[in-house]
Amino acid sequence: MDTETAQLFFSLLTIVAAVGTIGLVVLWIASAAGNSGAATLGSAITDAGLWLAFIVAATATLGSLYFSEAADFIPCRLCWFQRIAMYPLSVVLLVGAIRRDAAARWYAGPLAAIGAVIAGYHTLIEWRPELDTGTCELSGPSCTATWFREFGFISLALMSLVGFLTILALLFVRFAVTMEDTDGGQTDSPTTPLLEEVS
């Protein structure tokens, strides 16, 4: 795979992840409005949340390694901090998914949140270089420089940001589905979606 093909491939994956994350939030809103179909579909998605989050983290890790090791894109200082947050997520989420440990989100969530903040700042200064403090230039390439902007807006920093936000959504957006009782009616179980549930 050449570099331009890789850029297109990972950019398309970024769009798919962003659309999926927005879709999950829309399902959550529809569920809050009382749509039981949205709650059921959303619950099915979030039941597989750890595996899906692992796939996102593993893909982001492989993409990051490809761009630095095969395409020779030298990571800037903020890129390294994002890698520090993303790479361990692949392992933590895989172990959590294998063990079916719902509490794994409490270990992975802080890493994803820290990574999202760094990636958000990195994305911002790519578009608004005057906001950069210049610390990146002390130890490597400038954080405001972009290796590419696929479709005119997707950069490595934006890919990272979408990855972290997708992982957070998959870990913490939860749906409460109304349970049917033995009479065919409904119980008093909550129908409003939950952003988190106690493990």
Protein backbone atom coordinates (compact mmCIF):
# COMPACT_ATOMS: atom_id res chain seq x y z
CA MET A 1 0.00 0.00 0.00
CA ASP A 2 1.46 3.35 -0.98
CA THR A 3 1.21 6.42 1.23
CA GLU A 4 -1.56 8.13 -0.73
CA THR A 5 -3.70 4.98 -0.62
CA ALA A 6 -3.08 4.68 3.13
CA GLN A 7 -4.08 8.31 3.64
CA LEU A 8 -7.33 7.72 1.75
CA PHE A 9 -8.02 4.43 3.54
CA PHE A 10 -7.49 5.79 7.06
CA SER A 11 -9.37 8.98 6.20
CA LEU A 12 -12.38 6.94 5.09
CA LEU A 13 -12.18 4.93 8.32
CA THR A 14 -12.14 8.24 10.22
CA ILE A 15 -15.33 9.32 8.45
CA VAL A 16 -16.97 5.95 9.21
CA ALA A 17 -15.99 6.26 12.90
CA ALA A 18 -17.28 9.85 13.09
CA VAL A 19 -20.59 8.95 11.45
CA GLY A 20 -20.92 5.91 13.72
CA THR A 21 -20.29 8.01 16.82
CA ILE A 22 -22.82 10.62 15.72
CA GLY A 23 -25.27 7.81 14.97
CA LEU A 24 -24.81 6.36 18.45
CA VAL A 25 -25.52 9.77 20.01
CA VAL A 26 -28.63 10.18 17.80
CA LEU A 27 -29.85 6.76 18.96
CA TRP A 28 -29.23 7.86 22.54
CA ILE A 29 -31.30 11.03 22.00
CA ALA A 30 -34.08 9.05 20.28
CA SER A 31 -34.06 6.58 23.17
CA ALA A 32 -34.39 9.46 25.62
CA ALA A 33 -37.43 10.60 23.64
CA GLY A 34 -39.04 7.21 24.24
CA ASN A 35 -38.17 5.33 21.05
CA SER A 36 -37.82 1.73 22.22
CA GLY A 37 -36.40 0.60 18.86
CA ALA A 38 -33.55 3.09 19.21
CA ALA A 39 -32.94 1.88 22.76
CA THR A 40 -32.82 -1.75 21.63
CA LEU A 41 -30.45 -1.02 18.72
CA GLY A 42 -28.28 1.25 20.86
CA SER A 43 -28.10 -1.37 23.58
CA ALA A 44 -26.97 -4.00 21.06
CA ILE A 45 -24.20 -1.68 19.85
CA THR A 46 -23.00 -0.79 23.33
CA ASP A 47 -23.08 -4.46 24.39
CA ALA A 48 -20.26 -4.92 21.87
CA GLY A 49 -18.69 -1.61 22.94
CA LEU A 50 -15.45 -3.01 24.34
CA TRP A 51 -14.73 -5.01 21.20
CA LEU A 52 -15.60 -2.09 18.94
CA ALA A 53 -13.48 0.28 21.04
CA PHE A 54 -10.59 -2.20 20.83
CA ILE A 55 -10.91 -2.30 17.03
CA VAL A 56 -10.77 1.51 16.90
CA ALA A 57 -7.72 1.65 19.19
CA ALA A 58 -5.91 -1.15 17.34
CA THR A 59 -6.61 0.44 13.95
CA ALA A 60 -5.41 3.84 15.19
CA THR A 61 -2.26 2.22 16.58
CA LEU A 62 -1.52 0.39 13.32
CA GLY A 63 -2.21 3.54 11.29
CA SER A 64 0.08 5.57 13.52
CA LEU A 65 2.86 3.03 13.14
CA TYR A 66 2.38 2.88 9.38
CA PHE A 67 2.62 6.65 8.95
CA SER A 68 5.75 6.96 11.09
CA GLU A 69 7.59 3.75 10.16
CA ALA A 70 6.56 3.12 6.53
CA ALA A 71 5.63 6.59 5.29
CA ASP A 72 8.40 8.28 7.32
CA PHE A 73 6.13 10.97 8.76
CA ILE A 74 8.15 12.15 11.77
CA PRO A 75 5.85 12.47 14.81
CA CYS A 76 5.75 15.84 16.55
CA ARG A 77 5.72 16.20 20.32
CA LEU A 78 1.91 16.25 20.57
CA CYS A 79 1.77 13.18 18.32
CA TRP A 80 3.93 11.32 20.84
CA PHE A 81 1.62 12.28 23.70
CA GLN A 82 -1.37 11.00 21.71
CA ARG A 83 0.50 7.75 21.06
CA ILE A 84 1.18 7.41 24.79
CA ALA A 85 -2.59 7.53 25.32
CA MET A 86 -3.66 5.40 22.32
CA TYR A 87 -1.20 2.50 22.29
CA PRO A 88 -2.02 1.17 25.78
CA LEU A 89 -5.73 1.43 24.96
CA SER A 90 -5.31 -1.40 22.46
CA VAL A 91 -4.09 -3.71 25.20
CA VAL A 92 -6.42 -2.55 27.97
CA LEU A 93 -9.50 -2.78 25.74
CA LEU A 94 -8.52 -6.19 24.36
CA VAL A 95 -8.10 -7.63 27.86
CA GLY A 96 -11.35 -6.00 28.98
CA ALA A 97 -13.23 -7.38 25.96
CA ILE A 98 -11.84 -10.90 26.41
CA ARG A 99 -12.76 -10.87 30.11
CA ARG A 100 -16.12 -9.16 29.40
CA ASP A 101 -15.19 -6.69 32.11
CA ALA A 102 -17.57 -3.73 32.05
CA ALA A 103 -15.28 -1.98 34.54
CA ALA A 104 -12.56 -1.82 31.86
CA ARG A 105 -14.07 1.46 30.71
CA TRP A 106 -12.92 3.05 33.96
CA TYR A 107 -9.33 2.09 33.12
CA ALA A 108 -9.54 2.98 29.44
CA GLY A 109 -11.73 6.08 29.78
CA PRO A 110 -9.15 8.36 31.42
CA LEU A 111 -6.54 7.50 28.76
CA ALA A 112 -9.04 8.18 25.98
CA ALA A 113 -10.15 11.46 27.61
CA ILE A 114 -6.56 12.69 28.01
CA GLY A 115 -5.79 11.69 24.43
CA ALA A 116 -8.91 13.48 23.17
CA VAL A 117 -7.91 16.72 24.90
CA ILE A 118 -4.40 16.58 23.42
CA ALA A 119 -5.71 15.64 19.96
CA GLY A 120 -8.31 18.40 20.14
CA TYR A 121 -5.64 20.97 20.95
CA HIS A 122 -3.41 19.58 18.20
CA THR A 123 -6.25 19.82 15.67
CA LEU A 124 -6.97 23.39 16.79
CA ILE A 125 -3.40 24.61 16.36
CA GLU A 126 -3.15 22.98 12.95
CA TRP A 127 -5.91 25.34 11.82
CA ARG A 128 -4.92 28.25 14.08
CA PRO A 129 -1.08 28.14 14.30
CA GLU A 130 -0.97 31.44 16.18
CA LEU A 131 -2.37 29.62 19.24
CA ASP A 132 0.69 27.35 19.44
CA THR A 133 3.15 28.17 22.21
CA GLY A 134 6.07 26.87 20.14
CA THR A 135 7.14 24.17 22.59
CA CYS A 136 6.85 21.45 19.94
CA GLU A 137 9.58 22.99 17.82
CA LEU A 138 12.10 22.48 20.62
CA SER A 139 12.21 18.72 20.08
CA GLY A 140 11.14 17.80 16.56
CA PRO A 141 8.81 18.96 13.83
CA SER A 142 6.30 21.72 14.41
CA CYS A 143 2.92 20.62 15.76
CA THR A 144 1.22 23.11 13.45
CA ALA A 145 2.58 21.46 10.30
CA THR A 146 0.38 18.87 8.60
CA TRP A 147 1.61 15.97 6.51
CA PHE A 148 -1.67 15.88 4.58
CA ARG A 149 -5.28 17.05 4.64
CA GLU A 150 -7.36 14.40 2.95
CA PHE A 151 -10.65 15.75 1.56
CA GLY A 152 -9.36 19.15 2.60
CA PHE A 153 -9.82 18.64 6.35
CA ILE A 154 -8.73 15.19 7.62
CA SER A 155 -5.25 15.31 9.15
CA LEU A 156 -3.46 12.88 11.45
CA ALA A 157 -4.48 14.95 14.47
CA LEU A 158 -8.15 14.87 13.44
CA MET A 159 -7.92 11.10 12.90
CA SER A 160 -6.60 10.79 16.44
CA LEU A 161 -9.33 13.03 17.87
CA VAL A 162 -12.11 11.06 16.17
CA GLY A 163 -10.56 7.81 17.39
CA PHE A 164 -10.48 8.95 21.02
CA LEU A 165 -14.02 10.37 20.89
CA THR A 166 -15.34 7.18 19.28
CA ILE A 167 -13.73 5.08 22.01
CA LEU A 168 -15.25 7.32 24.70
CA ALA A 169 -18.70 7.07 23.13
CA LEU A 170 -18.48 3.29 22.85
CA LEU A 171 -17.38 3.00 26.48
CA PHE A 172 -19.77 5.41 28.18
CA VAL A 173 -22.98 5.85 26.17
CA ARG A 174 -25.40 3.34 27.68
CA PHE A 175 -29.03 2.54 27.00
CA ALA A 176 -31.61 1.28 29.47
CA VAL A 177 -34.10 -0.97 27.69
CA THR A 178 -37.61 -1.41 29.13
CA MET A 179 -38.09 -5.02 30.21
CA GLU A 180 -41.34 -6.84 29.55
CA ASP A 181 -42.84 -8.62 32.54
CA THR A 182 -44.49 -12.05 32.41
CA ASP A 183 -47.97 -10.56 31.74
CA GLY A 184 -46.78 -9.01 28.49
CA GLY A 185 -46.86 -5.53 29.98
CA GLN A 186 -43.94 -3.37 30.91
CA THR A 187 -42.15 -3.10 34.18
CA ASP A 188 -41.13 0.14 35.81
CA SER A 189 -37.58 -0.18 34.46
CA PRO A 190 -36.20 3.16 33.30
CA THR A 191 -36.46 3.94 29.59
CA THR A 192 -34.13 6.89 29.62
CA PRO A 193 -30.62 6.19 28.35
CA LEU A 194 -27.73 6.30 30.76
CA LEU A 195 -24.36 7.85 30.09
CA GLU A 196 -22.86 5.32 32.46
CA GLU A 197 -23.90 2.45 34.61
CA VAL A 198 -22.39 1.29 37.87
CA SER A 199 -20.37 -1.86 37.34
